Amino acid sequence: MLTIDRATYDAIVDHAKRDHPDEACGIVAGPEGSDRPTRLVEMVNAAGSPTFYEFDSTELLALYKQMWANDEEPVVIYHSHTATEAYPSRTDIGLASEPGAHYVLVSTREHGNNPGPVEFRSYRIVDGEVTEEDVTVVDELPAVG
């Protein structure tokens, strides 16, 4: 199950709506081994495409160096689908290289960048196997310790 705070959830949805009709993408980092998504990093979709996303390799390397220095890992890897449901495509499944991460998809197909609900779903993708998981949105993540 993915537990995410309301501010991070809203920021991911806002990013997806803002980038529509292109796919948005980003990472939410958290302390290693914690499964706590605490630091949202909006990324540039280097593909600039409504049907595909690609992290900019220079930007991604810089983020991983930051995460390593901060003892963080990618807890959530998210992107949007602009014309299809929030379910991983074959390409998404093939690119999923973080077995511990939650893969969040946000579909903006119904309302685009206009007000209105989106489809927000989370998956675990390990060795090509996709498993949907529940998403719980809380006002704030519980304190650690």
Foldseek 3Di string as FASTA:
>chain_A
DQEAAPVVVVVVVLQQLVLPLAKWWWFFKDAPPPLYRDRTDTFDQPVSHSADGDGDPVVVVVVVVVCVVVNIDGAEIEMEHEADAFDDDQVNLVPPDDQNHKYWYWYNPPPRNDDDDIHIWIWGRDPSDTDTDDYHYHNDDDDDD
